[in-house]
Amino acid sequence: FWADLSRARMEGADLSEARMEGANLWGADLRSTDLRDWSIARTSLRSVDFTGAQNLSKAAVNSAFGDRATILPDGPERPAHWDVPPLDPDDPGFFDLKEDAAYQAWLATLPER
């Protein structure tokens, strides 16, 4: 993945047109952010809080991986591939996406880049 932004506090940030493909945003605070045209393909959005975020598109949500603990703003629906439990802090995938079995299984369903 490109960047480890887990637990990043970006509340209210303008992330429009940001390129975060493949990043780990586990537990990030993205409340009230502007997400217009941001690129998050193959990004882990596990347990991210998007409360009040604006311009989060269905296409962006579908191109990323989240879990049952990810809080979406009004608008986009939770994709079926997000129907996975949140990670337990004792799980090796908690800190390393290469060890996150559910994320890796989802990646395996995607076409090669």
N, C-alpha and C. Protein backbone atom coordinates (compact mmCIF):
# COMPACT_ATOMS: atom_id res chain seq x y z
N PHE A 1 0.85 -1.18 0.00
CA PHE A 1 0.00 0.00 0.00
C PHE A 1 0.88 1.23 0.00
N TRP A 2 0.30 2.35 -0.29
CA TRP A 2 1.05 3.59 -0.45
C TRP A 2 1.38 4.28 0.86
N ALA A 3 0.42 4.39 1.73
CA ALA A 3 0.66 5.17 2.96
C ALA A 3 -0.14 4.59 4.12
N ASP A 4 0.43 4.68 5.31
CA ASP A 4 -0.28 4.27 6.51
C ASP A 4 -0.80 5.53 7.19
N LEU A 5 -2.09 5.78 7.02
CA LEU A 5 -2.75 6.93 7.62
C LEU A 5 -3.74 6.48 8.68
N SER A 6 -3.47 5.30 9.26
CA SER A 6 -4.37 4.79 10.28
C SER A 6 -4.42 5.76 11.46
N ARG A 7 -5.64 5.93 11.95
CA ARG A 7 -5.94 6.83 13.07
C ARG A 7 -5.65 8.31 12.79
N ALA A 8 -5.44 8.66 11.54
CA ALA A 8 -5.19 10.07 11.20
C ALA A 8 -6.40 10.91 11.54
N ARG A 9 -6.17 12.09 12.07
CA ARG A 9 -7.24 13.03 12.42
C ARG A 9 -7.31 14.12 11.36
N MET A 10 -8.26 13.96 10.43
CA MET A 10 -8.38 14.89 9.31
C MET A 10 -9.74 15.57 9.30
N GLU A 11 -10.38 15.68 10.44
CA GLU A 11 -11.70 16.27 10.54
C GLU A 11 -11.72 17.66 9.90
N GLY A 12 -12.69 17.86 8.98
CA GLY A 12 -12.88 19.15 8.34
C GLY A 12 -11.90 19.47 7.22
N ALA A 13 -11.02 18.54 6.88
CA ALA A 13 -10.02 18.79 5.84
C ALA A 13 -10.64 18.81 4.44
N ASP A 14 -10.02 19.54 3.54
CA ASP A 14 -10.40 19.53 2.14
C ASP A 14 -9.52 18.49 1.46
N LEU A 15 -10.09 17.32 1.21
CA LEU A 15 -9.36 16.23 0.57
C LEU A 15 -9.79 16.06 -0.88
N SER A 16 -10.43 17.09 -1.42
CA SER A 16 -10.87 16.99 -2.81
C SER A 16 -9.66 16.78 -3.71
N GLU A 17 -9.83 15.85 -4.62
CA GLU A 17 -8.81 15.46 -5.60
C GLU A 17 -7.58 14.81 -4.99
N ALA A 18 -7.64 14.42 -3.71
CA ALA A 18 -6.52 13.71 -3.09
C ALA A 18 -6.40 12.31 -3.69
N ARG A 19 -5.17 11.84 -3.83
CA ARG A 19 -4.91 10.49 -4.35
C ARG A 19 -4.41 9.64 -3.21
N MET A 20 -5.25 8.73 -2.75
CA MET A 20 -4.91 7.88 -1.61
C MET A 20 -5.05 6.40 -1.96
N GLU A 21 -4.85 6.05 -3.22
CA GLU A 21 -5.01 4.66 -3.65
C GLU A 21 -4.14 3.72 -2.81
N GLY A 22 -4.77 2.67 -2.31
CA GLY A 22 -4.05 1.65 -1.58
C GLY A 22 -3.62 2.02 -0.17
N ALA A 23 -4.05 3.16 0.33
CA ALA A 23 -3.64 3.60 1.67
C ALA A 23 -4.39 2.83 2.76
N ASN A 24 -3.82 2.82 3.93
CA ASN A 24 -4.48 2.24 5.10
C ASN A 24 -5.00 3.40 5.94
N LEU A 25 -6.31 3.59 5.93
CA LEU A 25 -6.94 4.67 6.70
C LEU A 25 -7.69 4.13 7.90
N TRP A 26 -7.29 2.94 8.40
CA TRP A 26 -8.00 2.32 9.52
C TRP A 26 -8.20 3.32 10.66
N GLY A 27 -9.46 3.47 11.08
CA GLY A 27 -9.79 4.28 12.24
C GLY A 27 -9.60 5.78 12.06
N ALA A 28 -9.42 6.24 10.82
CA ALA A 28 -9.20 7.67 10.59
C ALA A 28 -10.48 8.48 10.87
N ASP A 29 -10.29 9.71 11.28
CA ASP A 29 -11.38 10.64 11.53
C ASP A 29 -11.53 11.54 10.31
N LEU A 30 -12.53 11.25 9.50
CA LEU A 30 -12.78 12.03 8.29
C LEU A 30 -14.12 12.76 8.38
N ARG A 31 -14.54 13.07 9.60
CA ARG A 31 -15.80 13.78 9.78
C ARG A 31 -15.72 15.16 9.13
N SER A 32 -16.80 15.53 8.47
CA SER A 32 -16.97 16.86 7.86
C SER A 32 -15.89 17.20 6.84
N THR A 33 -15.32 16.20 6.19
CA THR A 33 -14.32 16.46 5.15
C THR A 33 -14.99 16.65 3.80
N ASP A 34 -14.29 17.30 2.88
CA ASP A 34 -14.74 17.42 1.50
C ASP A 34 -13.98 16.37 0.70
N LEU A 35 -14.71 15.41 0.14
CA LEU A 35 -14.10 14.27 -0.55
C LEU A 35 -14.39 14.28 -2.04
N ARG A 36 -14.62 15.45 -2.58
CA ARG A 36 -14.94 15.58 -4.01
C ARG A 36 -13.78 15.07 -4.86
N ASP A 37 -14.09 14.11 -5.72
CA ASP A 37 -13.13 13.59 -6.70
C ASP A 37 -11.87 13.00 -6.09
N TRP A 38 -11.94 12.53 -4.85
CA TRP A 38 -10.75 11.89 -4.29
C TRP A 38 -10.66 10.47 -4.81
N SER A 39 -9.47 9.95 -4.87
CA SER A 39 -9.22 8.65 -5.46
C SER A 39 -8.75 7.68 -4.38
N ILE A 40 -9.58 6.65 -4.11
CA ILE A 40 -9.28 5.74 -3.00
C ILE A 40 -9.36 4.27 -3.41
N ALA A 41 -9.14 3.96 -4.68
CA ALA A 41 -9.19 2.57 -5.11
C ALA A 41 -8.24 1.72 -4.27
N ARG A 42 -8.73 0.56 -3.84
CA ARG A 42 -7.95 -0.42 -3.08
C ARG A 42 -7.52 0.07 -1.69
N THR A 43 -8.16 1.12 -1.21
CA THR A 43 -7.84 1.69 0.09
C THR A 43 -8.63 0.97 1.19
N SER A 44 -8.01 0.79 2.35
CA SER A 44 -8.70 0.22 3.50
C SER A 44 -9.32 1.34 4.33
N LEU A 45 -10.64 1.31 4.42
CA LEU A 45 -11.39 2.31 5.18
C LEU A 45 -12.02 1.68 6.42
N ARG A 46 -11.39 0.67 6.97
CA ARG A 46 -11.94 0.00 8.15
C ARG A 46 -12.08 0.98 9.31
N SER A 47 -13.26 0.98 9.90
CA SER A 47 -13.56 1.76 11.11
C SER A 47 -13.36 3.27 10.93
N VAL A 48 -13.45 3.77 9.71
CA VAL A 48 -13.34 5.21 9.45
C VAL A 48 -14.67 5.89 9.78
N ASP A 49 -14.61 7.10 10.31
CA ASP A 49 -15.80 7.88 10.61
C ASP A 49 -15.95 8.98 9.57
N PHE A 50 -16.95 8.84 8.70
CA PHE A 50 -17.23 9.82 7.64
C PHE A 50 -18.43 10.71 8.01
N THR A 51 -18.83 10.76 9.26
CA THR A 51 -20.00 11.55 9.66
C THR A 51 -19.87 12.98 9.13
N GLY A 52 -20.89 13.42 8.40
CA GLY A 52 -20.92 14.78 7.89
C GLY A 52 -20.00 15.05 6.71
N ALA A 53 -19.29 14.03 6.23
CA ALA A 53 -18.42 14.23 5.06
C ALA A 53 -19.28 14.55 3.83
N GLN A 54 -18.72 15.34 2.94
CA GLN A 54 -19.44 15.76 1.74
C GLN A 54 -18.77 15.19 0.50
N ASN A 55 -19.59 14.91 -0.50
CA ASN A 55 -19.14 14.51 -1.82
C ASN A 55 -18.45 13.15 -1.87
N LEU A 56 -18.81 12.24 -0.97
CA LEU A 56 -18.29 10.88 -1.03
C LEU A 56 -19.15 10.11 -2.02
N SER A 57 -18.58 9.75 -3.15
CA SER A 57 -19.37 9.13 -4.21
C SER A 57 -19.51 7.62 -4.02
N LYS A 58 -20.56 7.09 -4.61
CA LYS A 58 -20.80 5.65 -4.59
C LYS A 58 -19.63 4.93 -5.25
N ALA A 59 -19.11 5.48 -6.35
CA ALA A 59 -17.99 4.85 -7.05
C ALA A 59 -16.76 4.77 -6.15
N ALA A 60 -16.49 5.83 -5.40
CA ALA A 60 -15.33 5.81 -4.50
C ALA A 60 -15.52 4.75 -3.42
N VAL A 61 -16.70 4.71 -2.82
CA VAL A 61 -16.99 3.73 -1.77
C VAL A 61 -16.83 2.32 -2.31
N ASN A 62 -17.36 2.06 -3.49
CA ASN A 62 -17.28 0.72 -4.07
C ASN A 62 -15.86 0.32 -4.44
N SER A 63 -14.98 1.28 -4.64
CA SER A 63 -13.60 0.97 -5.04
C SER A 63 -12.68 0.72 -3.86
N ALA A 64 -13.22 0.87 -2.64
CA ALA A 64 -12.42 0.74 -1.42
C ALA A 64 -12.98 -0.39 -0.55
N PHE A 65 -12.29 -0.66 0.55
CA PHE A 65 -12.69 -1.73 1.47
C PHE A 65 -12.98 -1.15 2.84
N GLY A 66 -14.16 -1.41 3.34
CA GLY A 66 -14.53 -0.96 4.68
C GLY A 66 -15.04 -2.13 5.49
N ASP A 67 -15.60 -1.87 6.64
CA ASP A 67 -16.17 -2.93 7.48
C ASP A 67 -17.44 -2.42 8.14
N ARG A 68 -18.02 -3.25 9.01
CA ARG A 68 -19.27 -2.88 9.66
C ARG A 68 -19.13 -1.68 10.58
N ALA A 69 -17.92 -1.37 11.00
CA ALA A 69 -17.70 -0.24 11.90
C ALA A 69 -17.46 1.07 11.15
N THR A 70 -17.31 1.01 9.84
CA THR A 70 -17.13 2.23 9.05
C THR A 70 -18.44 3.01 9.05
N ILE A 71 -18.38 4.28 9.40
CA ILE A 71 -19.58 5.13 9.46
C ILE A 71 -19.62 5.99 8.20
N LEU A 72 -20.61 5.74 7.36
CA LEU A 72 -20.77 6.50 6.12
C LEU A 72 -21.66 7.71 6.34
N PRO A 73 -21.44 8.77 5.55
CA PRO A 73 -22.35 9.92 5.62
C PRO A 73 -23.64 9.57 4.89
N ASP A 74 -24.62 10.45 4.96
CA ASP A 74 -25.84 10.26 4.18
C ASP A 74 -25.46 10.22 2.71
N GLY A 75 -26.06 9.31 1.98
CA GLY A 75 -25.80 9.22 0.54
C GLY A 75 -25.39 7.82 0.13
N PRO A 76 -24.09 7.57 0.08
CA PRO A 76 -23.68 6.25 -0.44
C PRO A 76 -24.09 5.11 0.49
N GLU A 77 -24.47 4.01 -0.13
CA GLU A 77 -24.85 2.82 0.63
C GLU A 77 -23.61 1.96 0.89
N ARG A 78 -23.68 1.20 1.97
CA ARG A 78 -22.59 0.28 2.32
C ARG A 78 -22.55 -0.85 1.29
N PRO A 79 -21.42 -1.04 0.61
CA PRO A 79 -21.32 -2.13 -0.37
C PRO A 79 -21.34 -3.50 0.32
N ALA A 80 -21.73 -4.52 -0.40
CA ALA A 80 -21.79 -5.88 0.16
C ALA A 80 -20.43 -6.34 0.65
N HIS A 81 -19.35 -5.93 -0.04
CA HIS A 81 -18.02 -6.40 0.38
C HIS A 81 -17.54 -5.73 1.67
N TRP A 82 -18.32 -4.82 2.23
CA TRP A 82 -18.01 -4.20 3.52
C TRP A 82 -18.69 -4.93 4.68
N ASP A 83 -19.37 -6.02 4.39
CA ASP A 83 -20.08 -6.75 5.44
C ASP A 83 -19.12 -7.71 6.16
N VAL A 84 -18.10 -7.13 6.76
CA VAL A 84 -17.11 -7.89 7.53
C VAL A 84 -16.98 -7.23 8.90
N PRO A 85 -16.71 -8.03 9.93
CA PRO A 85 -16.57 -7.44 11.27
C PRO A 85 -15.32 -6.58 11.36
N PRO A 86 -15.32 -5.62 12.28
CA PRO A 86 -14.11 -4.82 12.50
C PRO A 86 -12.98 -5.71 13.00
N LEU A 87 -11.77 -5.27 12.78
CA LEU A 87 -10.61 -6.03 13.25
C LEU A 87 -10.47 -5.95 14.76
N ASP A 88 -10.08 -7.04 15.34
CA ASP A 88 -9.74 -7.11 16.76
C ASP A 88 -8.30 -6.61 16.90
N PRO A 89 -8.00 -5.82 17.90
CA PRO A 89 -6.62 -5.32 18.07
C PRO A 89 -5.57 -6.43 18.18
N ASP A 90 -5.99 -7.65 18.52
CA ASP A 90 -5.04 -8.77 18.61
C ASP A 90 -4.81 -9.44 17.26
N ASP A 91 -5.60 -9.08 16.25
CA ASP A 91 -5.44 -9.65 14.91
C ASP A 91 -4.19 -9.07 14.27
N PRO A 92 -3.34 -9.90 13.63
CA PRO A 92 -2.13 -9.37 12.98
C PRO A 92 -2.44 -8.34 11.89
N GLY A 93 -3.62 -8.43 11.28
CA GLY A 93 -4.00 -7.47 10.24
C GLY A 93 -4.36 -6.11 10.78
N PHE A 94 -4.43 -5.97 12.10
CA PHE A 94 -4.79 -4.70 12.72
C PHE A 94 -3.81 -3.60 12.33
N PHE A 95 -2.54 -3.94 12.23
CA PHE A 95 -1.51 -2.96 11.91
C PHE A 95 -0.88 -3.16 10.53
N ASP A 96 -1.16 -4.28 9.90
CA ASP A 96 -0.49 -4.60 8.63
C ASP A 96 -1.52 -5.13 7.64
N LEU A 97 -1.79 -4.36 6.57
CA LEU A 97 -2.78 -4.78 5.59
C LEU A 97 -2.43 -6.11 4.94
N LYS A 98 -1.15 -6.44 4.87
CA LYS A 98 -0.74 -7.72 4.28
C LYS A 98 -1.23 -8.88 5.13
N GLU A 99 -1.52 -8.63 6.41
CA GLU A 99 -2.00 -9.66 7.32
C GLU A 99 -3.52 -9.61 7.53
N ASP A 100 -4.19 -8.65 6.90
CA ASP A 100 -5.65 -8.53 7.03
C ASP A 100 -6.29 -9.48 6.02
N ALA A 101 -6.72 -10.64 6.51
CA ALA A 101 -7.22 -11.70 5.62
C ALA A 101 -8.43 -11.25 4.80
N ALA A 102 -9.37 -10.54 5.40
CA ALA A 102 -10.57 -10.11 4.67
C ALA A 102 -10.21 -9.11 3.57
N TYR A 103 -9.32 -8.18 3.88
CA TYR A 103 -8.88 -7.19 2.89
C TYR A 103 -8.15 -7.90 1.74
N GLN A 104 -7.26 -8.81 2.07
CA GLN A 104 -6.50 -9.53 1.05
C GLN A 104 -7.42 -10.39 0.18
N ALA A 105 -8.44 -11.01 0.78
CA ALA A 105 -9.39 -11.81 0.00
C ALA A 105 -10.16 -10.92 -0.96
N TRP A 106 -10.54 -9.72 -0.52
CA TRP A 106 -11.24 -8.78 -1.40
C TRP A 106 -10.33 -8.33 -2.53
N LEU A 107 -9.08 -7.99 -2.23
CA LEU A 107 -8.14 -7.59 -3.28
C LEU A 107 -8.01 -8.67 -4.35
N ALA A 108 -8.02 -9.93 -3.92
CA ALA A 108 -7.86 -11.04 -4.87
C ALA A 108 -9.02 -11.12 -5.86
N THR A 109 -10.15 -10.49 -5.55
CA THR A 109 -11.29 -10.52 -6.47
C THR A 109 -11.20 -9.42 -7.53
N LEU A 110 -10.28 -8.49 -7.36
CA LEU A 110 -10.17 -7.35 -8.26
C LEU A 110 -9.29 -7.68 -9.45
N PRO A 111 -9.53 -7.03 -10.59
CA PRO A 111 -8.65 -7.25 -11.74
C PRO A 111 -7.24 -6.75 -11.46
N GLU A 112 -6.28 -7.36 -12.12
CA GLU A 112 -4.88 -6.92 -11.99
C GLU A 112 -4.74 -5.49 -12.46
N ARG A 113 -3.81 -4.77 -11.84
CA ARG A 113 -3.55 -3.40 -12.28
C ARG A 113 -2.46 -3.39 -13.31
